[in-house]
Amino acid sequence: MKLKKESPAGKQGQSQEQYKGNNSSRIQSTIQNLFSSGRKLTAKEINSITGSNDARKQISNLRREGWNITDMRLPDNRKLYWLISPSKQLSLFQGGSDI
C-alpha cells in the first residue's frame, strides 16, 4: 500500500487556498517595495522579479487600495508602470484661499 504524499501546505496545517494566498501577499508586498523604491517597470519585468504571472492583477489590486500607480504605453505597445509619490501630486488646496 502506497502512502499518499502530503502537500507542503498540509504539513503546516493550512489548506492549499491559504498557502496560495500567502504567496499572493508576498508578491504584492514585493511589488509595493519595487514601486516605493521609485522604479518604473513593465508587467513582464515585475513577473520576472516576483516569479509570478499576475503583475497586472496585482497592480489593479494596489490601485483599488489607493496606490497612485500610473502607466504609459511604450512605442512597442508595452506598458510602463510606476508610482506617483504624494510629494509630486498637487494638493487640492495648494494656492487656494481660506473660506
N, C-alpha and C. Protein backbone atom coordinates (compact mmCIF):
# COMPACT_ATOMS: atom_id res chain seq x y z
N MET A 1 0.84 -1.17 0.00
CA MET A 1 0.00 0.00 0.00
C MET A 1 0.89 1.24 0.00
N LYS A 2 0.64 2.12 -0.94
CA LYS A 2 1.42 3.34 -1.04
C LYS A 2 0.80 4.43 -0.18
N LEU A 3 1.67 5.15 0.51
CA LEU A 3 1.20 6.29 1.29
C LEU A 3 1.11 7.50 0.39
N LYS A 4 0.06 8.24 0.56
CA LYS A 4 -0.13 9.46 -0.22
C LYS A 4 0.73 10.57 0.37
N LYS A 5 1.50 11.24 -0.50
CA LYS A 5 2.33 12.33 -0.02
C LYS A 5 1.46 13.51 0.37
N GLU A 6 1.83 14.12 1.47
CA GLU A 6 1.10 15.29 1.94
C GLU A 6 1.70 16.54 1.30
N SER A 7 0.86 17.49 0.95
CA SER A 7 1.35 18.72 0.32
C SER A 7 2.09 19.56 1.35
N PRO A 8 3.03 20.42 0.90
CA PRO A 8 3.75 21.28 1.84
C PRO A 8 2.80 22.16 2.66
N ALA A 9 1.71 22.59 2.05
CA ALA A 9 0.75 23.42 2.78
C ALA A 9 0.07 22.60 3.87
N GLY A 10 -0.18 21.33 3.59
CA GLY A 10 -0.83 20.47 4.56
C GLY A 10 0.03 20.22 5.78
N LYS A 11 1.34 20.17 5.60
CA LYS A 11 2.24 19.96 6.73
C LYS A 11 2.22 21.12 7.70
N GLN A 12 1.88 22.29 7.18
CA GLN A 12 1.84 23.48 8.03
C GLN A 12 0.46 23.69 8.61
N GLY A 13 -0.45 22.79 8.36
CA GLY A 13 -1.80 22.92 8.88
C GLY A 13 -2.64 23.92 8.12
N GLN A 14 -2.27 24.18 6.86
CA GLN A 14 -3.00 25.15 6.04
C GLN A 14 -3.60 24.43 4.84
N SER A 15 -4.67 24.99 4.33
CA SER A 15 -5.22 24.45 3.09
C SER A 15 -4.45 25.04 1.92
N GLN A 16 -4.65 24.49 0.75
CA GLN A 16 -3.97 24.99 -0.44
C GLN A 16 -4.35 26.44 -0.71
N GLU A 17 -5.62 26.82 -0.46
CA GLU A 17 -6.06 28.18 -0.71
C GLU A 17 -5.30 29.17 0.17
N GLN A 18 -5.11 28.82 1.43
CA GLN A 18 -4.38 29.71 2.33
C GLN A 18 -2.92 29.82 1.90
N TYR A 19 -2.35 28.73 1.44
CA TYR A 19 -0.96 28.74 1.00
C TYR A 19 -0.80 29.66 -0.21
N LYS A 20 -1.72 29.57 -1.16
CA LYS A 20 -1.67 30.43 -2.33
C LYS A 20 -1.88 31.89 -1.94
N GLY A 21 -2.75 32.14 -0.96
CA GLY A 21 -3.00 33.50 -0.50
C GLY A 21 -1.74 34.12 0.09
N ASN A 22 -0.98 33.33 0.83
CA ASN A 22 0.26 33.83 1.41
C ASN A 22 1.25 34.18 0.31
N ASN A 23 1.30 33.38 -0.74
CA ASN A 23 2.18 33.65 -1.86
C ASN A 23 1.75 34.93 -2.56
N SER A 24 0.46 35.13 -2.70
CA SER A 24 -0.06 36.33 -3.34
C SER A 24 0.30 37.57 -2.53
N SER A 25 0.21 37.48 -1.22
CA SER A 25 0.55 38.64 -0.39
C SER A 25 2.05 38.92 -0.45
N ARG A 26 2.86 37.87 -0.59
CA ARG A 26 4.31 38.06 -0.75
C ARG A 26 4.61 38.78 -2.06
N ILE A 27 3.92 38.37 -3.12
CA ILE A 27 4.11 39.01 -4.42
C ILE A 27 3.67 40.47 -4.36
N GLN A 28 2.52 40.72 -3.72
CA GLN A 28 2.02 42.09 -3.63
C GLN A 28 2.97 42.97 -2.83
N SER A 29 3.51 42.46 -1.74
CA SER A 29 4.45 43.27 -0.95
C SER A 29 5.75 43.52 -1.72
N THR A 30 6.18 42.55 -2.53
CA THR A 30 7.36 42.75 -3.36
C THR A 30 7.11 43.86 -4.38
N ILE A 31 5.93 43.84 -5.00
CA ILE A 31 5.57 44.88 -5.98
C ILE A 31 5.48 46.23 -5.30
N GLN A 32 4.92 46.28 -4.10
CA GLN A 32 4.85 47.53 -3.35
C GLN A 32 6.25 48.09 -3.11
N ASN A 33 7.17 47.23 -2.72
CA ASN A 33 8.55 47.66 -2.47
C ASN A 33 9.22 48.15 -3.75
N LEU A 34 8.95 47.48 -4.87
CA LEU A 34 9.53 47.91 -6.14
C LEU A 34 9.05 49.31 -6.51
N PHE A 35 7.74 49.54 -6.39
CA PHE A 35 7.20 50.85 -6.74
C PHE A 35 7.64 51.91 -5.74
N SER A 36 7.71 51.56 -4.47
CA SER A 36 8.12 52.52 -3.45
C SER A 36 9.56 52.97 -3.64
N SER A 37 10.36 52.13 -4.26
CA SER A 37 11.76 52.49 -4.50
C SER A 37 11.91 53.45 -5.68
N GLY A 38 10.80 53.72 -6.38
CA GLY A 38 10.83 54.68 -7.47
C GLY A 38 11.08 54.07 -8.84
N ARG A 39 11.09 52.75 -8.93
CA ARG A 39 11.36 52.11 -10.21
C ARG A 39 10.17 52.20 -11.15
N LYS A 40 10.47 52.22 -12.43
CA LYS A 40 9.47 52.15 -13.49
C LYS A 40 9.65 50.80 -14.16
N LEU A 41 8.59 50.00 -14.18
CA LEU A 41 8.69 48.62 -14.64
C LEU A 41 7.55 48.24 -15.56
N THR A 42 7.82 47.27 -16.44
CA THR A 42 6.77 46.67 -17.24
C THR A 42 6.22 45.46 -16.49
N ALA A 43 5.06 44.98 -16.89
CA ALA A 43 4.47 43.80 -16.26
C ALA A 43 5.40 42.60 -16.41
N LYS A 44 6.06 42.49 -17.55
CA LYS A 44 6.97 41.38 -17.79
C LYS A 44 8.14 41.42 -16.81
N GLU A 45 8.67 42.61 -16.54
CA GLU A 45 9.77 42.74 -15.59
C GLU A 45 9.31 42.40 -14.17
N ILE A 46 8.12 42.85 -13.81
CA ILE A 46 7.58 42.54 -12.48
C ILE A 46 7.38 41.04 -12.34
N ASN A 47 6.82 40.40 -13.36
CA ASN A 47 6.62 38.94 -13.32
C ASN A 47 7.95 38.22 -13.19
N SER A 48 8.96 38.69 -13.87
CA SER A 48 10.28 38.07 -13.80
C SER A 48 10.87 38.20 -12.39
N ILE A 49 10.72 39.36 -11.79
CA ILE A 49 11.27 39.59 -10.45
C ILE A 49 10.53 38.77 -9.40
N THR A 50 9.20 38.73 -9.50
CA THR A 50 8.40 38.04 -8.48
C THR A 50 8.23 36.55 -8.75
N GLY A 51 8.55 36.11 -9.95
CA GLY A 51 8.37 34.70 -10.29
C GLY A 51 6.91 34.32 -10.43
N SER A 52 6.07 35.29 -10.78
CA SER A 52 4.65 35.02 -10.94
C SER A 52 4.23 35.40 -12.36
N ASN A 53 2.93 35.36 -12.60
CA ASN A 53 2.44 35.79 -13.91
C ASN A 53 1.19 36.65 -13.77
N ASP A 54 1.04 37.33 -12.64
CA ASP A 54 -0.17 38.13 -12.42
C ASP A 54 0.13 39.56 -12.00
N ALA A 55 1.15 40.17 -12.60
CA ALA A 55 1.54 41.54 -12.24
C ALA A 55 0.40 42.52 -12.48
N ARG A 56 -0.29 42.40 -13.61
CA ARG A 56 -1.36 43.35 -13.91
C ARG A 56 -2.51 43.24 -12.91
N LYS A 57 -2.80 42.03 -12.46
CA LYS A 57 -3.85 41.84 -11.45
C LYS A 57 -3.43 42.49 -10.13
N GLN A 58 -2.17 42.29 -9.75
CA GLN A 58 -1.68 42.87 -8.50
C GLN A 58 -1.66 44.40 -8.58
N ILE A 59 -1.32 44.95 -9.75
CA ILE A 59 -1.34 46.40 -9.93
C ILE A 59 -2.77 46.91 -9.78
N SER A 60 -3.74 46.20 -10.34
CA SER A 60 -5.15 46.59 -10.19
C SER A 60 -5.56 46.57 -8.72
N ASN A 61 -5.15 45.53 -8.00
CA ASN A 61 -5.46 45.44 -6.58
C ASN A 61 -4.86 46.61 -5.80
N LEU A 62 -3.61 46.95 -6.10
CA LEU A 62 -2.96 48.07 -5.42
C LEU A 62 -3.67 49.38 -5.72
N ARG A 63 -4.10 49.56 -6.96
CA ARG A 63 -4.85 50.77 -7.32
C ARG A 63 -6.15 50.86 -6.53
N ARG A 64 -6.84 49.73 -6.37
CA ARG A 64 -8.08 49.72 -5.58
C ARG A 64 -7.82 50.06 -4.12
N GLU A 65 -6.62 49.72 -3.63
CA GLU A 65 -6.26 50.03 -2.24
C GLU A 65 -5.79 51.48 -2.07
N GLY A 66 -5.73 52.23 -3.17
CA GLY A 66 -5.37 53.63 -3.06
C GLY A 66 -3.99 54.00 -3.54
N TRP A 67 -3.22 53.05 -4.03
CA TRP A 67 -1.90 53.36 -4.57
C TRP A 67 -2.06 54.10 -5.89
N ASN A 68 -1.34 55.20 -6.05
CA ASN A 68 -1.46 56.02 -7.25
C ASN A 68 -0.44 55.54 -8.28
N ILE A 69 -0.74 54.40 -8.88
CA ILE A 69 0.13 53.81 -9.90
C ILE A 69 -0.36 54.29 -11.26
N THR A 70 0.54 54.85 -12.01
CA THR A 70 0.19 55.33 -13.35
C THR A 70 0.92 54.49 -14.38
N ASP A 71 0.53 54.62 -15.61
CA ASP A 71 1.17 53.85 -16.67
C ASP A 71 1.27 54.67 -17.94
N MET A 72 2.13 54.21 -18.82
CA MET A 72 2.33 54.86 -20.10
C MET A 72 2.59 53.77 -21.13
N ARG A 73 1.93 53.89 -22.28
CA ARG A 73 2.12 52.93 -23.36
C ARG A 73 3.42 53.27 -24.09
N LEU A 74 4.30 52.30 -24.24
CA LEU A 74 5.56 52.48 -24.94
C LEU A 74 5.36 52.26 -26.44
N PRO A 75 6.30 52.74 -27.27
CA PRO A 75 6.15 52.57 -28.73
C PRO A 75 5.99 51.11 -29.18
N ASP A 76 6.57 50.17 -28.42
CA ASP A 76 6.44 48.75 -28.79
C ASP A 76 5.19 48.11 -28.18
N ASN A 77 4.26 48.95 -27.70
CA ASN A 77 2.95 48.54 -27.20
C ASN A 77 2.98 47.92 -25.80
N ARG A 78 4.12 47.95 -25.11
CA ARG A 78 4.15 47.52 -23.71
C ARG A 78 3.72 48.69 -22.84
N LYS A 79 3.34 48.39 -21.59
CA LYS A 79 3.00 49.46 -20.65
C LYS A 79 4.08 49.54 -19.59
N LEU A 80 4.46 50.77 -19.26
CA LEU A 80 5.42 51.03 -18.21
C LEU A 80 4.62 51.55 -17.02
N TYR A 81 4.81 50.92 -15.86
CA TYR A 81 4.08 51.29 -14.65
C TYR A 81 5.03 51.91 -13.64
N TRP A 82 4.54 52.92 -12.89
CA TRP A 82 5.31 53.49 -11.80
C TRP A 82 4.36 54.17 -10.83
N LEU A 83 4.89 54.45 -9.64
CA LEU A 83 4.13 55.07 -8.57
C LEU A 83 4.38 56.57 -8.58
N ILE A 84 3.30 57.34 -8.55
CA ILE A 84 3.44 58.78 -8.40
C ILE A 84 3.47 59.06 -6.91
N SER A 85 4.59 59.58 -6.43
CA SER A 85 4.72 59.80 -5.00
C SER A 85 3.84 60.97 -4.57
N PRO A 86 3.35 60.95 -3.33
CA PRO A 86 2.47 62.01 -2.85
C PRO A 86 3.12 63.40 -2.93
N SER A 87 4.43 63.49 -2.81
CA SER A 87 5.09 64.79 -2.85
C SER A 87 5.03 65.40 -4.25
N LYS A 88 4.83 64.58 -5.28
CA LYS A 88 4.75 65.09 -6.64
C LYS A 88 3.32 65.42 -7.07
N GLN A 89 2.35 65.04 -6.24
CA GLN A 89 0.97 65.34 -6.55
C GLN A 89 0.63 66.73 -6.04
N LEU A 90 -0.18 67.44 -6.78
CA LEU A 90 -0.60 68.77 -6.35
C LEU A 90 -1.66 68.64 -5.26
N SER A 91 -1.55 69.46 -4.27
CA SER A 91 -2.54 69.47 -3.21
C SER A 91 -3.83 70.11 -3.73
N LEU A 92 -4.95 69.65 -3.24
CA LEU A 92 -6.22 70.23 -3.65
C LEU A 92 -6.35 71.67 -3.18
N PHE A 93 -5.68 71.99 -2.09
CA PHE A 93 -5.81 73.31 -1.51
C PHE A 93 -4.58 74.18 -1.72
N GLN A 94 -3.66 73.73 -2.52
CA GLN A 94 -2.45 74.48 -2.76
C GLN A 94 -2.77 75.78 -3.50
N GLY A 95 -2.34 76.90 -2.95
CA GLY A 95 -2.56 78.18 -3.58
C GLY A 95 -3.98 78.72 -3.43
N GLY A 96 -4.83 77.99 -2.71
CA GLY A 96 -6.20 78.45 -2.53
C GLY A 96 -6.32 79.38 -1.33
N SER A 97 -7.43 80.04 -1.23
CA SER A 97 -7.64 80.92 -0.09
C SER A 97 -8.59 80.27 0.89
N ASP A 98 -8.50 80.68 2.15
CA ASP A 98 -9.40 80.15 3.18
C ASP A 98 -10.78 80.72 2.97
N ILE A 99 -11.78 79.90 3.19
CA ILE A 99 -13.16 80.37 3.03
C ILE A 99 -13.75 80.69 4.36
